[in-house]
């Protein structure tokens, strides 16, 4: 029904572009706190008849725009560990290039059930040791990055290059449980790492002519507005607020991927 309603409008009409902006705003807001907000953009682009690989390339433009603004916000507030973020971004970027090469030639739906189960596991971790998410573990955050850390971030990078949905949740979980950050610092470094690796992924989609630039820019403006609002709330209300938001979004998207709810 929604597909039929939208099909009467031109892709670049003000009605469609307005909906794209709103979807980008919601995605940017959710992605700042956790991840999986990009699923909203994928869902809308699919309704608009955009092939999945083109949708995956198009959303990256908005991700870059949002990540630039959010990284600046967190850095100014002293919440961004810039040095470690640059170091961690190396294996994530290498993995993401591999993931993007896979994405331009494969259907992502075969991974949905696995991702849904992984998100449910992360939801369990949020309840298992709530203090770890809120306070972090300083002894871990001050240690050097080990080879096992690099392997973990490399694998997350492959997933992030393949499909952006949920990569923020995987990164934030790694930053809390592997690197020892609290949720606000984890959100900050997650956004910065995404900023570093996404242009490389975006270049792969550009090279394969799989980007709708106008839609991507409008989505990006929405991402930017939603992301800046979410970052301000995270900085103002702290890690416990981010934890509750993460629980909410994890629950919704894991149930969606596992087929229990549909939207």
Protein backbone atom coordinates (compact mmCIF):
# COMPACT_ATOMS: atom_id res chain seq x y z
CA UNK A 1 0.00 0.00 0.00
CA UNK A 2 2.79 2.41 0.91
CA UNK A 3 4.65 1.44 -2.26
CA UNK A 4 1.58 2.24 -4.36
CA UNK A 5 1.13 5.57 -2.60
CA UNK A 6 4.70 6.71 -3.19
CA UNK A 7 4.90 5.37 -6.75
CA UNK A 8 2.64 8.19 -7.98
CA UNK A 9 5.36 10.74 -7.24
CA UNK A 10 8.59 11.41 -9.10
CA UNK A 11 11.72 10.32 -7.21
CA UNK A 12 12.90 13.93 -7.03
CA UNK A 13 9.54 15.52 -6.19
CA UNK A 14 9.31 17.63 -3.05
CA UNK A 15 7.02 15.03 -1.48
CA UNK A 16 9.53 12.20 -1.86
CA UNK A 17 12.50 14.37 -0.90
CA UNK A 18 10.64 15.49 2.24
CA UNK A 19 10.06 11.87 3.26
CA UNK A 20 13.70 11.06 2.51
CA UNK A 21 14.81 13.93 4.77
CA UNK A 22 12.57 12.79 7.63
CA UNK A 23 13.84 9.21 7.29
CA UNK A 24 17.40 10.55 7.34
CA UNK A 25 16.66 12.56 10.49
CA UNK A 26 15.34 9.48 12.31
CA UNK A 27 18.27 7.38 11.10
CA UNK A 28 20.80 10.00 12.19
CA UNK A 29 19.21 10.26 15.63
CA UNK A 30 19.23 6.49 16.17
CA UNK A 31 22.70 5.94 14.71
CA UNK A 32 24.29 8.41 17.11
CA UNK A 33 23.05 6.46 20.13
CA UNK A 34 23.53 2.97 18.77
CA UNK A 35 23.22 1.90 15.16
CA UNK A 36 20.69 0.19 12.88
CA UNK A 37 18.97 3.50 12.19
CA UNK A 38 20.16 3.14 8.62
CA UNK A 39 17.60 0.33 8.29
CA UNK A 40 15.01 3.11 7.97
CA UNK A 41 16.78 4.42 4.88
CA UNK A 42 17.16 0.94 3.39
CA UNK A 43 13.46 0.31 3.97
CA UNK A 44 12.43 3.58 2.30
CA UNK A 45 14.83 3.15 -0.62
CA UNK A 46 13.46 -0.35 -1.24
CA UNK A 47 9.92 1.07 -1.37
CA UNK A 48 11.13 3.66 -3.86
CA UNK A 49 12.40 0.82 -6.07
CA UNK A 50 16.09 1.35 -5.47
CA UNK A 51 18.24 -1.82 -5.83
CA UNK A 52 19.79 -2.94 -2.53
CA UNK A 53 23.36 -2.38 -3.66
CA UNK A 54 22.52 1.16 -4.82
CA UNK A 55 20.73 1.80 -1.52
CA UNK A 56 23.82 0.61 0.34
CA UNK A 57 26.00 3.02 -1.61
CA UNK A 58 23.60 5.95 -1.31
CA UNK A 59 23.27 5.82 2.49
CA UNK A 60 27.04 6.23 2.88
CA UNK A 61 26.91 9.86 1.78
CA UNK A 62 24.60 10.72 4.67
CA UNK A 63 26.73 8.71 7.07
CA UNK A 64 29.80 10.78 6.16
CA UNK A 65 27.97 14.09 6.59
CA UNK A 66 26.61 13.11 9.99
CA UNK A 67 29.89 11.63 11.22
CA UNK A 68 31.82 14.82 10.47
CA UNK A 69 29.47 16.98 12.55
CA UNK A 70 29.15 14.50 15.42
CA UNK A 71 32.90 13.90 15.65
CA UNK A 72 33.50 17.64 15.98
CA UNK A 73 30.83 17.87 18.70
CA UNK A 74 32.27 15.03 20.78
CA UNK A 75 35.86 16.22 20.31
CA UNK A 76 35.04 19.73 21.52
CA UNK A 77 33.45 18.23 24.65
CA UNK A 78 36.54 16.09 25.37
CA UNK A 79 34.72 12.78 24.82
CA UNK A 80 36.67 11.59 21.76
CA UNK A 81 39.88 9.57 22.16
CA UNK A 82 41.35 10.76 18.87
CA UNK A 83 44.64 8.81 18.93
CA UNK A 84 43.11 5.43 19.71
CA UNK A 85 40.28 6.17 17.29
CA UNK A 86 42.75 6.68 14.45
CA UNK A 87 44.60 3.49 15.37
CA UNK A 88 41.45 1.35 15.56
CA UNK A 89 40.17 2.81 12.30
CA UNK A 90 43.03 1.12 10.38
CA UNK A 91 41.79 -2.50 10.71
CA UNK A 92 38.17 -1.36 10.46
CA UNK A 93 38.92 0.46 7.20
CA UNK A 94 40.79 -2.49 5.70
CA UNK A 95 37.92 -4.79 6.61
CA UNK A 96 35.32 -2.36 5.29
CA UNK A 97 36.93 -2.25 1.83
CA UNK A 98 36.66 -6.04 1.63
CA UNK A 99 33.06 -5.88 2.87
CA UNK A 100 32.14 -3.24 0.28
CA UNK A 101 33.59 -5.35 -2.54
CA UNK A 102 31.32 -8.19 -1.39
CA UNK A 103 28.31 -5.88 -1.06
CA UNK A 104 28.33 -4.67 -4.67
CA UNK A 105 27.75 -8.24 -5.85
CA UNK A 106 25.66 -10.01 -3.19
CA UNK A 107 22.20 -9.93 -1.57
CA UNK A 108 22.41 -8.96 2.11
CA UNK A 109 19.19 -10.72 3.18
CA UNK A 110 20.96 -14.02 3.89
CA UNK A 111 22.61 -12.35 6.87
CA UNK A 112 19.49 -10.91 8.52
CA UNK A 113 18.73 -13.77 10.92
CA UNK A 114 22.35 -14.00 12.09
CA UNK A 115 22.47 -10.25 12.68
CA UNK A 116 19.18 -10.39 14.60
CA UNK A 117 20.55 -13.05 16.95
CA UNK A 118 23.75 -11.06 17.45
CA UNK A 119 21.75 -7.98 18.38
CA UNK A 120 19.76 -9.99 20.93
CA UNK A 121 23.04 -11.15 22.48
CA UNK A 122 24.17 -7.54 22.78
CA UNK A 123 20.83 -6.74 24.41
CA UNK A 124 21.61 -9.42 26.99
CA UNK A 125 25.00 -7.80 27.65
CA UNK A 126 23.30 -4.46 28.31
CA UNK A 127 21.36 -6.05 31.18
CA UNK A 128 24.11 -8.44 32.31
CA UNK A 129 26.52 -5.75 33.54
CA UNK A 130 24.90 -2.33 33.32
CA UNK A 131 27.72 -0.58 35.22
CA UNK A 132 30.21 -1.61 32.52
CA UNK A 133 28.20 0.31 29.93
CA UNK A 134 27.65 3.35 32.12
CA UNK A 135 31.06 3.71 33.81
CA UNK A 136 33.36 1.82 31.42
CA UNK A 137 36.51 0.11 32.66
CA UNK A 138 39.38 2.57 32.89
CA UNK A 139 42.11 -0.07 33.10
CA UNK A 140 41.10 -1.35 29.66
CA UNK A 141 40.71 2.08 28.07
CA UNK A 142 44.30 3.00 29.01
CA UNK A 143 45.88 -0.21 27.66
CA UNK A 144 47.45 -0.53 24.24
CA UNK A 145 45.46 -2.13 21.45
CA UNK A 146 46.42 -5.83 21.06
CA UNK A 147 46.45 -8.04 17.97
CA UNK A 148 43.18 -9.64 19.10
CA UNK A 149 41.60 -6.22 19.30
CA UNK A 150 42.74 -5.52 15.75
CA UNK A 151 41.28 -8.82 14.50
CA UNK A 152 37.94 -8.06 16.16
CA UNK A 153 37.79 -4.58 14.66
CA UNK A 154 38.85 -5.93 11.25
CA UNK A 155 35.91 -8.36 11.26
CA UNK A 156 33.53 -5.59 12.29
CA UNK A 157 34.94 -3.53 9.42
CA UNK A 158 34.09 -6.28 6.93
CA UNK A 159 30.51 -6.23 8.15
CA UNK A 160 30.38 -2.43 8.11
CA UNK A 161 31.60 -2.29 4.53
CA UNK A 162 29.11 -4.95 3.51
CA UNK A 163 26.02 -3.33 5.02
CA UNK A 164 25.95 -0.31 7.33
CA UNK A 165 22.90 -1.53 9.29
CA UNK A 166 23.92 -2.36 12.85
CA UNK A 167 27.64 -1.69 12.51
CA UNK A 168 27.42 1.05 15.13
CA UNK A 169 26.05 -1.43 17.66
CA UNK A 170 28.86 -3.89 16.96
CA UNK A 171 31.44 -1.11 17.29
CA UNK A 172 29.96 0.27 20.51
CA UNK A 173 29.87 -3.21 22.04
CA UNK A 174 33.54 -3.70 21.14
CA UNK A 175 34.50 -0.28 22.51
CA UNK A 176 32.80 -1.04 25.83
CA UNK A 177 33.80 -4.70 26.31
CA UNK A 178 37.18 -4.74 24.56
CA UNK A 179 38.44 -1.19 24.93
CA UNK A 180 36.76 -0.28 28.25
CA UNK A 181 34.96 2.95 27.33
CA UNK A 182 31.66 4.10 28.83
CA UNK A 183 28.76 4.51 26.41
CA UNK A 184 29.21 8.22 25.73
CA UNK A 185 32.91 7.81 24.87
CA UNK A 186 32.06 4.63 22.94
CA UNK A 187 29.48 6.56 20.89
CA UNK A 188 32.05 9.28 20.19
CA UNK A 189 34.83 6.95 19.02
CA UNK A 190 32.34 4.82 17.08
CA UNK A 191 31.23 7.83 15.05
CA UNK A 192 34.84 8.88 14.45
CA UNK A 193 35.87 5.41 13.23
CA UNK A 194 32.82 5.35 10.94
CA UNK A 195 33.94 8.73 9.57
CA UNK A 196 37.39 7.35 8.77
CA UNK A 197 36.36 4.14 7.01
CA UNK A 198 33.15 5.22 5.21
CA UNK A 199 34.79 7.34 2.47
CA UNK A 200 36.79 4.28 1.36
CA UNK A 201 33.59 2.23 1.21
CA UNK A 202 31.79 5.06 -0.57
CA UNK A 203 34.53 5.14 -3.21
CA UNK A 204 33.90 1.47 -4.01
CA UNK A 205 30.20 2.16 -4.65
CA UNK A 206 31.04 5.25 -6.71
CA UNK A 207 33.42 3.20 -8.85
CA UNK A 208 30.60 0.72 -9.48
CA UNK A 209 28.07 3.50 -10.25
CA UNK A 210 25.86 2.53 -7.32
CA UNK A 211 25.01 5.91 -5.75
CA UNK A 212 21.93 8.16 -6.11
CA UNK A 213 23.60 11.46 -5.28
CA UNK A 214 20.58 13.75 -4.87
CA UNK A 215 18.79 11.27 -2.62
CA UNK A 216 22.04 10.73 -0.72
CA UNK A 217 22.53 14.46 -0.10
CA UNK A 218 18.95 14.96 1.14
CA UNK A 219 19.29 11.90 3.36
CA UNK A 220 22.59 13.30 4.61
CA UNK A 221 21.01 16.61 5.59
CA UNK A 222 18.46 14.65 7.61
CA UNK A 223 21.21 12.51 9.15
CA UNK A 224 23.08 15.67 10.07
CA UNK A 225 20.11 17.26 11.85
CA UNK A 226 19.09 14.09 13.70
CA UNK A 227 22.66 13.23 14.63
CA UNK A 228 23.43 16.66 16.07
CA UNK A 229 20.30 16.56 18.23
CA UNK A 230 21.15 13.06 19.50
CA UNK A 231 24.78 14.01 20.24
CA UNK A 232 23.65 17.00 22.29
CA UNK A 233 21.28 14.79 24.29
CA UNK A 234 24.00 12.18 24.87
CA UNK A 235 26.45 14.80 26.11
CA UNK A 236 23.82 16.43 28.31
CA UNK A 237 22.21 13.33 29.85
CA UNK A 238 25.14 10.92 29.96
CA UNK A 239 25.83 7.21 29.50
CA UNK A 240 22.79 5.88 31.35
CA UNK A 241 20.46 7.72 28.96
CA UNK A 242 22.41 6.32 25.99
CA UNK A 243 22.07 2.82 27.49
CA UNK A 244 18.28 3.10 27.63
CA UNK A 245 18.14 4.36 24.06
CA UNK A 246 20.42 1.51 22.98
CA UNK A 247 18.16 -1.06 24.67
CA UNK A 248 15.12 0.39 22.88
CA UNK A 249 16.68 0.37 19.42
CA UNK A 250 18.34 -3.04 19.89
CA UNK A 251 15.01 -4.59 20.85
CA UNK A 252 13.16 -3.11 17.89
CA UNK A 253 15.69 -4.00 15.22
CA UNK A 254 16.55 -7.48 16.49
CA UNK A 255 12.84 -8.38 16.47
CA UNK A 256 12.53 -6.87 13.01
CA UNK A 257 15.45 -8.89 11.62
CA UNK A 258 14.17 -12.08 13.19
CA UNK A 259 10.76 -11.56 11.62
CA UNK A 260 8.71 -11.05 14.79
CA UNK A 261 7.63 -7.54 13.81
CA UNK A 262 7.32 -5.83 10.46
CA UNK A 263 7.52 -2.14 9.58
